[in-house]
Amino acid sequence: MAKVKHKDIKIKRHRTLDDKILYATTDIILVLLLLIVGYPIVYVLSCSFSSGIAVSNGRVILWPVDPSIIGYKLVFAYKTVWTGYANTIFYTVVGTALNMLLSILAAYPLSRPNYQGRKVATMLFTITMMFSAGIIPKYLLMSDLHLIDSRWALILASAISAYNMIIIRTYFRNSIPGELIEAARIDGCSELRTLWSVVLPLSKAVISVVTLYYAVSHWNSYFQAMLYLRDRDLLPLQMILREILNASKINAEDVSDPALLAELAGAADLVKYALIVVSSAPIIAAYPFVQKFFEKGVMIGSVKG
């Protein structure tokens, strides 16, 4: 009896009419979603590189019209923009590092079944997700700690997110085999050594995603700066851009020349689009580096039991 080799067997998959309709519908929906999400980004980017008159007249549809970088020159003409960039980078880097340190140190013991107080501790963390003291008690706390008008006010005020910590805890509990933990203990590893050498190398997906969550939160934060900071040298980029945006508003009653009014209005619109790009581009550039971890890292957060 002749033997049939596995490589000689060819399996043909025939798509039925229902399959073709399903795939075609899915492709159409994905293309529409791409257009819905992608077009505003392209439009804003094109407007930021167009002339002010073209933007104010609505001539920009897809590509830049009368290409110009005057919008970026107007934005970066403010020296405080560079100070705001430096402050925001500091808040994002230091704040995210502290966030991840505290989140991991809290998530690891709560993920271990032999930790006796994990249910009570988890409940206390969960309560903070539903109830908050409010703005005034937080401000009074920062004042008592002498953190008003200090960089640490923005960092310590959001030192840990219970939601992100629970995501990491769930990943540790569901994705790290208990046998590896026991093997590390048999080899004489301490809890910190087990966390550093065994758990964290196997948790790159969730660590990368949660790090990006924290970084985006710090980069876009402005409300806490409005509450706690008075020194302009400490203001983050978002607050500086807000000031520039308010300064670029034109009062039509103050300008009598229609041509000059149109030019100033176009410059104000141009500044708005340039501000969007300036404030969003750095953090958007970080997404490709963690994209491959997103599917696994985000899905684990859907189960928080």
C-alpha atoms as a PDB file:
ATOM      1  CA  MET A   1       0.000   0.000   0.000  1.00  0.00           C
ATOM      2  CA  ALA A   2       1.524   3.276  -1.100  1.00  0.00           C
ATOM      3  CA  LYS A   3       2.231   5.834   1.584  1.00  0.00           C
ATOM      4  CA  VAL A   4       0.945   9.313   1.030  1.00  0.00           C
ATOM      5  CA  LYS A   5       3.334  11.988   2.176  1.00  0.00           C
ATOM      6  CA  HIS A   6       1.916  14.902   4.109  1.00  0.00           C
ATOM      7  CA  LYS A   7       3.490  17.442   1.779  1.00  0.00           C
ATOM      8  CA  ASP A   8       1.678  15.878  -1.184  1.00  0.00           C
ATOM      9  CA  ILE A   9      -1.724  16.470   0.360  1.00  0.00           C
ATOM     10  CA  LYS A  10      -3.271  19.738  -0.776  1.00  0.00           C
ATOM     11  CA  ILE A  11      -6.356  21.021   0.971  1.00  0.00           C
ATOM     12  CA  LYS A  12      -8.464  23.352  -1.110  1.00  0.00           C
ATOM     13  CA  ARG A  13     -10.691  25.769   0.721  1.00  0.00           C
ATOM     14  CA  HIS A  14     -13.689  26.822  -1.287  1.00  0.00           C
ATOM     15  CA  ARG A  15     -15.446  29.975  -0.234  1.00  0.00           C
ATOM     16  CA  THR A  16     -19.191  29.789  -0.356  1.00  0.00           C
ATOM     17  CA  LEU A  17     -21.358  32.684  -1.436  1.00  0.00           C
ATOM     18  CA  ASP A  18     -22.064  33.529   2.207  1.00  0.00           C
ATOM     19  CA  ASP A  19     -18.324  33.635   2.929  1.00  0.00           C
ATOM     20  CA  LYS A  20     -17.683  35.963   0.003  1.00  0.00           C
ATOM     21  CA  ILE A  21     -20.476  38.288   1.103  1.00  0.00           C
ATOM     22  CA  LEU A  22     -19.139  38.300   4.675  1.00  0.00           C
ATOM     23  CA  TYR A  23     -15.564  39.065   3.599  1.00  0.00           C
ATOM     24  CA  ALA A  24     -16.687  41.760   1.171  1.00  0.00           C
ATOM     25  CA  THR A  25     -18.869  43.412   3.824  1.00  0.00           C
ATOM     26  CA  THR A  26     -16.025  43.291   6.340  1.00  0.00           C
ATOM     27  CA  ASP A  27     -13.612  44.862   3.849  1.00  0.00           C
ATOM     28  CA  ILE A  28     -16.073  47.663   3.071  1.00  0.00           C
ATOM     29  CA  ILE A  29     -16.648  48.391   6.766  1.00  0.00           C
ATOM     30  CA  LEU A  30     -12.890  48.458   7.464  1.00  0.00           C
ATOM     31  CA  VAL A  31     -12.288  50.829   4.552  1.00  0.00           C
ATOM     32  CA  LEU A  32     -15.062  53.134   5.785  1.00  0.00           C
ATOM     33  CA  LEU A  33     -13.629  53.094   9.304  1.00  0.00           C
ATOM     34  CA  LEU A  34     -10.192  53.892   7.885  1.00  0.00           C
ATOM     35  CA  LEU A  35     -11.624  56.887   6.028  1.00  0.00           C
ATOM     36  CA  ILE A  36     -13.560  58.081   9.070  1.00  0.00           C
ATOM     37  CA  VAL A  37     -10.491  57.896  11.300  1.00  0.00           C
ATOM     38  CA  GLY A  38      -7.797  58.783   8.776  1.00  0.00           C
ATOM     39  CA  TYR A  39      -9.349  61.717   6.916  1.00  0.00           C
ATOM     40  CA  PRO A  40      -9.507  64.115   9.910  1.00  0.00           C
ATOM     41  CA  ILE A  41      -5.834  63.427  10.625  1.00  0.00           C
ATOM     42  CA  VAL A  42      -4.834  64.087   7.018  1.00  0.00           C
ATOM     43  CA  TYR A  43      -7.058  67.177   6.896  1.00  0.00           C
ATOM     44  CA  VAL A  44      -5.563  68.714  10.041  1.00  0.00           C
ATOM     45  CA  LEU A  45      -2.038  67.968   8.829  1.00  0.00           C
ATOM     46  CA  SER A  46      -2.780  69.485   5.406  1.00  0.00           C
ATOM     47  CA  CYS A  47      -4.326  72.614   6.936  1.00  0.00           C
ATOM     48  CA  SER A  48      -1.291  73.119   9.159  1.00  0.00           C
ATOM     49  CA  PHE A  49       0.959  73.219   6.075  1.00  0.00           C
ATOM     50  CA  SER A  50      -1.336  75.460   3.993  1.00  0.00           C
ATOM     51  CA  SER A  51      -1.630  79.213   3.821  1.00  0.00           C
ATOM     52  CA  GLY A  52      -3.941  81.014   6.236  1.00  0.00           C
ATOM     53  CA  ILE A  53      -6.147  82.410   3.464  1.00  0.00           C
ATOM     54  CA  ALA A  54      -6.629  78.946   1.946  1.00  0.00           C
ATOM     55  CA  VAL A  55      -7.615  77.526   5.314  1.00  0.00           C
ATOM     56  CA  SER A  56     -10.063  80.317   6.186  1.00  0.00           C
ATOM     57  CA  ASN A  57     -11.668  80.124   2.709  1.00  0.00           C
ATOM     58  CA  GLY A  58     -12.181  76.369   3.011  1.00  0.00           C
ATOM     59  CA  ARG A  59     -10.017  75.515   0.004  1.00  0.00           C
ATOM     60  CA  VAL A  60      -8.168  72.711   1.788  1.00  0.00           C
ATOM     61  CA  ILE A  61      -9.856  69.388   1.085  1.00  0.00           C
ATOM     62  CA  LEU A  62      -7.161  66.738   1.196  1.00  0.00           C
ATOM     63  CA  TRP A  63      -3.734  68.096   0.253  1.00  0.00           C
ATOM     64  CA  PRO A  64      -2.073  71.357   1.383  1.00  0.00           C
ATOM     65  CA  VAL A  65      -3.008  74.449  -0.637  1.00  0.00           C
ATOM     66  CA  ASP A  66      -0.328  77.088  -1.138  1.00  0.00           C
ATOM     67  CA  PRO A  67       2.138  75.103   1.040  1.00  0.00           C
ATOM     68  CA  SER A  68       3.558  77.108   3.899  1.00  0.00           C
ATOM     69  CA  ILE A  69       5.042  76.582   7.363  1.00  0.00           C
ATOM     70  CA  ILE A  70       3.970  79.972   8.680  1.00  0.00           C
ATOM     71  CA  GLY A  71       1.661  78.270  11.185  1.00  0.00           C
ATOM     72  CA  TYR A  72       4.537  76.459  12.840  1.00  0.00           C
ATOM     73  CA  LYS A  73       6.661  79.615  12.780  1.00  0.00           C
ATOM     74  CA  LEU A  74       3.902  81.460  14.630  1.00  0.00           C
ATOM     75  CA  VAL A  75       3.628  78.687  17.213  1.00  0.00           C
ATOM     76  CA  PHE A  76       7.350  78.251  17.838  1.00  0.00           C
ATOM     77  CA  ALA A  77       7.859  82.013  17.901  1.00  0.00           C
ATOM     78  CA  TYR A  78       6.689  81.763  21.497  1.00  0.00           C
ATOM     79  CA  LYS A  79       9.746  80.909  23.592  1.00  0.00           C
ATOM     80  CA  THR A  80       7.494  79.386  26.253  1.00  0.00           C
ATOM     81  CA  VAL A  81       6.623  76.554  23.841  1.00  0.00           C
ATOM     82  CA  TRP A  82      10.095  75.064  24.271  1.00  0.00           C
ATOM     83  CA  THR A  83       9.828  75.395  28.060  1.00  0.00           C
ATOM     84  CA  GLY A  84       6.421  73.735  27.905  1.00  0.00           C
ATOM     85  CA  TYR A  85       7.849  70.887  25.822  1.00  0.00           C
ATOM     86  CA  ALA A  86      10.649  70.320  28.344  1.00  0.00           C
ATOM     87  CA  ASN A  87       8.214  70.371  31.263  1.00  0.00           C
ATOM     88  CA  THR A  88       5.788  67.980  29.582  1.00  0.00           C
ATOM     89  CA  ILE A  89       8.595  65.560  28.716  1.00  0.00           C
ATOM     90  CA  PHE A  90       9.710  65.656  32.349  1.00  0.00           C
ATOM     91  CA  TYR A  91       6.196  65.087  33.669  1.00  0.00           C
ATOM     92  CA  THR A  92       5.592  62.287  31.177  1.00  0.00           C
ATOM     93  CA  VAL A  93       8.870  60.421  31.715  1.00  0.00           C
ATOM     94  CA  VAL A  94       9.110  60.766  35.503  1.00  0.00           C
ATOM     95  CA  GLY A  95       5.372  60.401  36.057  1.00  0.00           C
ATOM     96  CA  THR A  96       5.085  57.299  33.864  1.00  0.00           C
ATOM     97  CA  ALA A  97       8.108  55.693  35.538  1.00  0.00           C
ATOM     98  CA  LEU A  98       6.572  56.249  38.979  1.00  0.00           C
ATOM     99  CA  ASN A  99       3.178  55.034  37.749  1.00  0.00           C
ATOM    100  CA  MET A 100       4.617  51.781  36.423  1.00  0.00           C
ATOM    101  CA  LEU A 101       6.749  51.211  39.520  1.00  0.00           C
ATOM    102  CA  LEU A 102       3.816  51.559  41.899  1.00  0.00           C
ATOM    103  CA  SER A 103       1.387  49.695  39.636  1.00  0.00           C
ATOM    104  CA  ILE A 104       3.685  46.693  39.226  1.00  0.00           C
ATOM    105  CA  LEU A 105       4.583  46.581  42.931  1.00  0.00           C
ATOM    106  CA  ALA A 106       0.871  46.644  43.786  1.00  0.00           C
ATOM    107  CA  ALA A 107      -0.253  44.248  41.040  1.00  0.00           C
ATOM    108  CA  TYR A 108       2.243  41.467  41.738  1.00  0.00           C
ATOM    109  CA  PRO A 109       1.267  40.631  45.340  1.00  0.00           C
ATOM    110  CA  LEU A 110      -2.428  41.015  44.501  1.00  0.00           C
ATOM    111  CA  SER A 111      -1.996  38.425  41.740  1.00  0.00           C
ATOM    112  CA  ARG A 112      -0.537  35.792  44.089  1.00  0.00           C
ATOM    113  CA  PRO A 113      -3.070  33.432  45.692  1.00  0.00           C
ATOM    114  CA  ASN A 114      -0.926  33.033  48.823  1.00  0.00           C
ATOM    115  CA  TYR A 115      -1.252  36.721  49.723  1.00  0.00           C
ATOM    116  CA  GLN A 116      -3.808  36.735  52.540  1.00  0.00           C
ATOM    117  CA  GLY A 117      -5.006  40.329  52.243  1.00  0.00           C
ATOM    118  CA  ARG A 118      -5.398  40.475  48.481  1.00  0.00           C
ATOM    119  CA  LYS A 119      -9.222  40.499  48.480  1.00  0.00           C
ATOM    120  CA  VAL A 120      -9.434  43.384  50.932  1.00  0.00           C
ATOM    121  CA  ALA A 121      -6.692  45.332  49.131  1.00  0.00           C
ATOM    122  CA  THR A 122      -8.355  44.752  45.752  1.00  0.00           C
ATOM    123  CA  MET A 123     -11.663  45.976  47.147  1.00  0.00           C
ATOM    124  CA  LEU A 124     -10.021  49.158  48.465  1.00  0.00           C
ATOM    125  CA  PHE A 125      -8.436  49.829  45.077  1.00  0.00           C
ATOM    126  CA  THR A 126     -11.772  49.206  43.350  1.00  0.00           C
ATOM    127  CA  ILE A 127     -13.571  51.675  45.633  1.00  0.00           C
ATOM    128  CA  THR A 128     -11.252  54.450  44.454  1.00  0.00           C
ATOM    129  CA  MET A 129     -12.411  53.794  40.880  1.00  0.00           C
ATOM    130  CA  MET A 130     -16.013  54.600  41.814  1.00  0.00           C
ATOM    131  CA  PHE A 131     -15.650  57.272  44.496  1.00  0.00           C
ATOM    132  CA  SER A 132     -13.400  60.322  44.646  1.00  0.00           C
ATOM    133  CA  ALA A 133     -12.835  62.927  47.332  1.00  0.00           C
ATOM    134  CA  GLY A 134     -13.262  65.793  44.864  1.00  0.00           C
ATOM    135  CA  ILE A 135     -11.241  68.777  43.714  1.00  0.00           C
ATOM    136  CA  ILE A 136     -11.267  70.824  46.932  1.00  0.00           C
ATOM    137  CA  PRO A 137     -10.091  68.021  49.284  1.00  0.00           C
ATOM    138  CA  LYS A 138      -7.334  67.144  46.796  1.00  0.00           C
ATOM    139  CA  TYR A 139      -6.234  70.775  46.651  1.00  0.00           C
ATOM    140  CA  LEU A 140      -6.226  71.015  50.449  1.00  0.00           C
ATOM    141  CA  LEU A 141      -4.151  67.828  50.628  1.00  0.00           C
ATOM    142  CA  MET A 142      -1.607  69.197  48.169  1.00  0.00           C
ATOM    143  CA  SER A 143      -1.488  72.442  50.127  1.00  0.00           C
ATOM    144  CA  ASP A 144      -0.879  70.604  53.413  1.00  0.00           C
ATOM    145  CA  LEU A 145       1.907  68.633  51.746  1.00  0.00           C
ATOM    146  CA  HIS A 146       3.433  71.915  50.479  1.00  0.00           C
ATOM    147  CA  LEU A 147       3.244  70.713  46.884  1.00  0.00           C
ATOM    148  CA  ILE A 148       1.366  73.689  45.437  1.00  0.00           C
ATOM    149  CA  ASP A 149       3.390  75.291  42.649  1.00  0.00           C
ATOM    150  CA  SER A 150       5.709  72.286  42.536  1.00  0.00           C
ATOM    151  CA  ARG A 151       6.492  69.775  39.804  1.00  0.00           C
ATOM    152  CA  TRP A 152       5.681  66.929  42.204  1.00  0.00           C
ATOM    153  CA  ALA A 153       2.084  68.105  42.468  1.00  0.00           C
ATOM    154  CA  LEU A 154       1.424  66.880  38.922  1.00  0.00           C
ATOM    155  CA  ILE A 155       3.359  63.640  39.441  1.00  0.00           C
ATOM    156  CA  LEU A 156       2.191  62.539  42.898  1.00  0.00           C
ATOM    157  CA  ALA A 157      -1.431  63.592  42.354  1.00  0.00           C
ATOM    158  CA  SER A 158      -1.804  60.761  39.830  1.00  0.00           C
ATOM    159  CA  ALA A 159       0.854  58.373  41.094  1.00  0.00           C
ATOM    160  CA  ILE A 160      -1.204  55.243  40.375  1.00  0.00           C
ATOM    161  CA  SER A 161      -4.339  54.309  38.447  1.00  0.00           C
ATOM    162  CA  ALA A 162      -6.404  51.547  40.029  1.00  0.00           C
ATOM    163  CA  TYR A 163      -7.775  50.576  36.627  1.00  0.00           C
ATOM    164  CA  ASN A 164      -4.339  50.123  35.067  1.00  0.00           C
ATOM    165  CA  MET A 165      -3.072  48.327  38.152  1.00  0.00           C
ATOM    166  CA  ILE A 166      -5.948  45.824  37.917  1.00  0.00           C
ATOM    167  CA  ILE A 167      -5.133  45.226  34.242  1.00  0.00           C
ATOM    168  CA  ILE A 168      -1.538  44.341  35.180  1.00  0.00           C
ATOM    169  CA  ARG A 169      -2.694  42.208  38.106  1.00  0.00           C
ATOM    170  CA  THR A 170      -5.087  40.273  35.869  1.00  0.00           C
ATOM    171  CA  TYR A 171      -2.326  39.641  33.363  1.00  0.00           C
ATOM    172  CA  PHE A 172       0.059  38.419  36.057  1.00  0.00           C
ATOM    173  CA  ARG A 173      -2.569  36.091  37.471  1.00  0.00           C
ATOM    174  CA  ASN A 174      -3.887  34.649  34.196  1.00  0.00           C
ATOM    175  CA  SER A 175      -0.800  34.610  31.979  1.00  0.00           C
ATOM    176  CA  ILE A 176       2.124  33.784  34.287  1.00  0.00           C
ATOM    177  CA  PRO A 177       2.161  30.051  35.145  1.00  0.00           C
ATOM    178  CA  GLY A 178       2.267  29.402  38.865  1.00  0.00           C
ATOM    179  CA  GLU A 179       4.798  26.629  38.255  1.00  0.00           C
ATOM    180  CA  LEU A 180       7.369  29.220  37.152  1.00  0.00           C
ATOM    181  CA  ILE A 181       6.886  31.155  40.373  1.00  0.00           C
ATOM    182  CA  GLU A 182       7.285  27.990  42.438  1.00  0.00           C
ATOM    183  CA  ALA A 183      10.374  26.976  40.468  1.00  0.00           C
ATOM    184  CA  ALA A 184      11.943  30.374  41.128  1.00  0.00           C
ATOM    185  CA  ARG A 185      11.261  30.029  44.831  1.00  0.00           C
ATOM    186  CA  ILE A 186      12.798  26.557  44.900  1.00  0.00           C
ATOM    187  CA  ASP A 187      15.901  28.048  43.264  1.00  0.00           C
ATOM    188  CA  GLY A 188      16.111  30.502  46.138  1.00  0.00           C
ATOM    189  CA  CYS A 189      14.794  33.636  44.419  1.00  0.00           C
ATOM    190  CA  SER A 190      13.225  36.310  46.594  1.00  0.00           C
ATOM    191  CA  GLU A 191       9.888  37.848  45.618  1.00  0.00           C
ATOM    192  CA  LEU A 192      11.576  40.880  44.057  1.00  0.00           C
ATOM    193  CA  ARG A 193      14.012  38.682  42.141  1.00  0.00           C
ATOM    194  CA  THR A 194      11.122  36.522  40.928  1.00  0.00           C
ATOM    195  CA  LEU A 195       9.247  39.609  39.804  1.00  0.00           C
ATOM    196  CA  TRP A 196      12.290  41.059  38.018  1.00  0.00           C
ATOM    197  CA  SER A 197      13.701  37.901  36.443  1.00  0.00           C
ATOM    198  CA  VAL A 198      10.608  35.782  35.773  1.00  0.00           C
ATOM    199  CA  VAL A 199       7.402  37.812  35.735  1.00  0.00           C
ATOM    200  CA  LEU A 200       8.392  41.046  33.999  1.00  0.00           C
ATOM    201  CA  PRO A 201      10.198  39.430  31.007  1.00  0.00           C
ATOM    202  CA  LEU A 202       7.000  37.478  30.297  1.00  0.00           C
ATOM    203  CA  SER A 203       4.780  40.554  30.641  1.00  0.00           C
ATOM    204  CA  LYS A 204       6.142  42.836  27.923  1.00  0.00           C
ATOM    205  CA  ALA A 205       2.734  43.073  26.225  1.00  0.00           C
ATOM    206  CA  VAL A 206       0.764  44.445  29.149  1.00  0.00           C
ATOM    207  CA  ILE A 207       3.687  46.536  30.425  1.00  0.00           C
ATOM    208  CA  SER A 208       4.053  48.258  27.045  1.00  0.00           C
ATOM    209  CA  VAL A 209       0.345  48.988  26.706  1.00  0.00           C
ATOM    210  CA  VAL A 210      -0.134  50.291  30.245  1.00  0.00           C
ATOM    211  CA  THR A 211       3.023  52.396  29.918  1.00  0.00           C
ATOM    212  CA  LEU A 212       1.526  54.018  26.837  1.00  0.00           C
ATOM    213  CA  TYR A 213      -1.756  54.603  28.681  1.00  0.00           C
ATOM    214  CA  TYR A 214       0.076  56.417  31.465  1.00  0.00           C
ATOM    215  CA  ALA A 215       2.265  58.375  29.050  1.00  0.00           C
ATOM    216  CA  VAL A 216      -0.715  59.592  27.017  1.00  0.00           C
ATOM    217  CA  SER A 217      -2.490  60.637  30.212  1.00  0.00           C
ATOM    218  CA  HIS A 218       0.506  62.668  31.393  1.00  0.00           C
ATOM    219  CA  TRP A 219       1.116  64.195  27.971  1.00  0.00           C
ATOM    220  CA  ASN A 220      -2.484  65.407  27.603  1.00  0.00           C
ATOM    221  CA  SER A 221      -2.933  66.496  31.212  1.00  0.00           C
ATOM    222  CA  TYR A 222      -3.681  70.156  31.794  1.00  0.00           C
ATOM    223  CA  PHE A 223      -6.401  70.396  34.460  1.00  0.00           C
ATOM    224  CA  GLN A 224      -4.099  69.559  37.377  1.00  0.00           C
ATOM    225  CA  ALA A 225      -1.652  72.186  36.144  1.00  0.00           C
ATOM    226  CA  MET A 226      -4.476  74.745  36.247  1.00  0.00           C
ATOM    227  CA  LEU A 227      -5.157  73.786  39.876  1.00  0.00           C
ATOM    228  CA  TYR A 228      -1.694  73.402  41.352  1.00  0.00           C
ATOM    229  CA  LEU A 229       0.737  75.514  39.313  1.00  0.00           C
ATOM    230  CA  ARG A 230       1.230  79.277  39.281  1.00  0.00           C
ATOM    231  CA  ASP A 231       4.823  79.560  38.050  1.00  0.00           C
ATOM    232  CA  ARG A 232       4.857  79.853  34.242  1.00  0.00           C
ATOM    233  CA  ASP A 233       8.229  78.110  34.106  1.00  0.00           C
ATOM    234  CA  LEU A 234       6.545  74.934  35.402  1.00  0.00           C
ATOM    235  CA  LEU A 235       3.547  74.889  33.057  1.00  0.00           C
ATOM    236  CA  PRO A 236       3.212  71.876  30.714  1.00  0.00           C
ATOM    237  CA  LEU A 237       2.888  72.190  26.957  1.00  0.00           C
ATOM    238  CA  GLN A 238      -0.910  71.907  26.967  1.00  0.00           C
ATOM    239  CA  MET A 239      -1.270  75.005  29.128  1.00  0.00           C
ATOM    240  CA  ILE A 240       1.163  76.975  26.963  1.00  0.00           C
ATOM    241  CA  LEU A 241      -0.725  76.014  23.814  1.00  0.00           C
ATOM    242  CA  ARG A 242      -3.978  77.043  25.460  1.00  0.00           C
ATOM    243  CA  GLU A 243      -2.539  80.490  26.128  1.00  0.00           C
ATOM    244  CA  ILE A 244      -1.334  80.795  22.532  1.00  0.00           C
ATOM    245  CA  LEU A 245      -4.741  79.748  21.241  1.00  0.00           C
ATOM    246  CA  ASN A 246      -6.488  82.360  23.374  1.00  0.00           C
ATOM    247  CA  ALA A 247      -3.990  85.007  22.304  1.00  0.00           C
ATOM    248  CA  SER A 248      -4.604  84.277  18.620  1.00  0.00           C
ATOM    249  CA  LYS A 249      -8.340  85.006  18.805  1.00  0.00           C
ATOM    250  CA  ILE A 250      -9.299  88.005  16.673  1.00  0.00           C
ATOM    251  CA  ASN A 251     -12.002  90.488  17.628  1.00  0.00           C
ATOM    252  CA  ALA A 252     -13.702  91.619  14.408  1.00  0.00           C
ATOM    253  CA  GLU A 253     -14.682  94.957  15.963  1.00  0.00           C
ATOM    254  CA  ASP A 254     -11.028  95.900  16.435  1.00  0.00           C
ATOM    255  CA  VAL A 255     -10.118  95.574  12.730  1.00  0.00           C
ATOM    256  CA  SER A 256     -11.736  97.825  10.132  1.00  0.00           C
ATOM    257  CA  ASP A 257      -9.853  96.627   7.037  1.00  0.00           C
ATOM    258  CA  PRO A 258     -11.691  93.560   5.586  1.00  0.00           C
ATOM    259  CA  ALA A 259      -8.555  92.267   3.830  1.00  0.00           C
ATOM    260  CA  LEU A 260      -6.486  92.532   7.008  1.00  0.00           C
ATOM    261  CA  LEU A 261      -9.283  90.914   9.020  1.00  0.00           C
ATOM    262  CA  ALA A 262      -9.393  87.968   6.603  1.00  0.00           C
ATOM    263  CA  GLU A 263      -5.617  87.574   6.786  1.00  0.00           C
ATOM    264  CA  LEU A 264      -5.608  87.680  10.593  1.00  0.00           C
ATOM    265  CA  ALA A 265      -8.519  85.243  10.776  1.00  0.00           C
ATOM    266  CA  GLY A 266      -6.682  82.904   8.436  1.00  0.00           C
ATOM    267  CA  ALA A 267      -3.575  83.108  10.612  1.00  0.00           C
ATOM    268  CA  ALA A 268      -5.654  82.313  13.706  1.00  0.00           C
ATOM    269  CA  ASP A 269      -7.165  79.251  12.017  1.00  0.00           C
ATOM    270  CA  LEU A 270      -3.721  78.186  10.839  1.00  0.00           C
ATOM    271  CA  VAL A 271      -2.335  78.429  14.370  1.00  0.00           C
ATOM    272  CA  LYS A 272      -5.130  76.166  15.639  1.00  0.00           C
ATOM    273  CA  TYR A 273      -4.219  73.363  13.237  1.00  0.00           C
ATOM    274  CA  ALA A 274      -0.500  73.796  13.875  1.00  0.00           C
ATOM    275  CA  LEU A 275      -1.171  73.569  17.616  1.00  0.00           C
ATOM    276  CA  ILE A 276      -3.021  70.281  17.144  1.00  0.00           C
ATOM    277  CA  VAL A 277      -0.076  68.801  15.247  1.00  0.00           C
ATOM    278  CA  VAL A 278       2.536  70.154  17.664  1.00  0.00           C
ATOM    279  CA  SER A 279       0.739  68.764  20.704  1.00  0.00           C
ATOM    280  CA  SER A 280      -0.242  65.397  19.189  1.00  0.00           C
ATOM    281  CA  ALA A 281       2.660  64.353  16.949  1.00  0.00           C
ATOM    282  CA  PRO A 282       5.161  63.234  19.645  1.00  0.00           C
ATOM    283  CA  ILE A 283       2.765  60.922  21.446  1.00  0.00           C
ATOM    284  CA  ILE A 284       1.315  59.545  18.204  1.00  0.00           C
ATOM    285  CA  ALA A 285       4.854  58.672  17.109  1.00  0.00           C
ATOM    286  CA  ALA A 286       5.107  56.318  20.096  1.00  0.00           C
ATOM    287  CA  TYR A 287       2.235  54.087  18.960  1.00  0.00           C
ATOM    288  CA  PRO A 288       4.102  52.120  16.244  1.00  0.00           C
ATOM    289  CA  PHE A 289       6.641  50.945  18.817  1.00  0.00           C
ATOM    290  CA  VAL A 290       3.990  49.219  20.950  1.00  0.00           C
ATOM    291  CA  GLN A 291       1.493  48.320  18.243  1.00  0.00           C
ATOM    292  CA  LYS A 292       2.447  44.638  18.221  1.00  0.00           C
ATOM    293  CA  PHE A 293       1.690  44.395  21.952  1.00  0.00           C
ATOM    294  CA  PHE A 294      -1.703  46.065  21.762  1.00  0.00           C
ATOM    295  CA  GLU A 295      -3.887  43.115  20.792  1.00  0.00           C
ATOM    296  CA  LYS A 296      -2.713  40.858  23.604  1.00  0.00           C
ATOM    297  CA  GLY A 297      -2.139  43.595  26.145  1.00  0.00           C
ATOM    298  CA  VAL A 298      -5.490  45.335  25.704  1.00  0.00           C
ATOM    299  CA  MET A 299      -7.622  42.191  25.559  1.00  0.00           C
ATOM    300  CA  ILE A 300      -6.349  40.971  28.920  1.00  0.00           C
ATOM    301  CA  GLY A 301      -7.853  44.107  30.459  1.00  0.00           C
ATOM    302  CA  SER A 302     -11.349  43.032  29.430  1.00  0.00           C
ATOM    303  CA  VAL A 303     -11.319  40.463  32.239  1.00  0.00           C
ATOM    304  CA  LYS A 304     -10.811  41.993  35.655  1.00  0.00           C
ATOM    305  CA  GLY A 305     -12.052  39.198  37.872  1.00  0.00           C
END
